[in-house]
Amino acid sequence: MAVLAVPFFVCVFMGLEKSSLLNVAVGIGTVQCLLSKTSKYALFDPTTQMAYIPLDNESKVKGKAAIDVLGSRIGKSGGSLIQQGLVFIFGDILSATPAVAPFIRFYWVGCRQPTN
């Protein structure tokens, strides 16, 4: 996705005067969206289901229900709550970006540390 991000933003920023570059940006954005959805459904979803293989049937059903229903809903609600809080504090989401970027960076570095 990073490979497509550079030409996308170049076309967007250069295309403010030319509509043909904005059309190219829409095409690049479409390809990026298709590739990200395809990789999610082809790689991520089967990997999450493989985690349930060693469990017995009852544990599989309860585990899937807990993760799929509660986990996704709590995750979406928490993300929405954080976003609304940032908009309330900073006025808009773009103004909150410089304040949030260090947290994302430290989280990313912390996730990359090897585990014991």
Foldseek 3Di string as FASTA:
>chain_A
DVVLPVLLVVLVVVCPPPVVSVVVNVVSVVVVVVVVVVCCVVPVVVVVLVVCVVDDPVCSVVVCCCCVPVVVVVVVVVVVVVLVVQCVVQVHNVSCVVVCVVVVVVVVVVVPDDDD
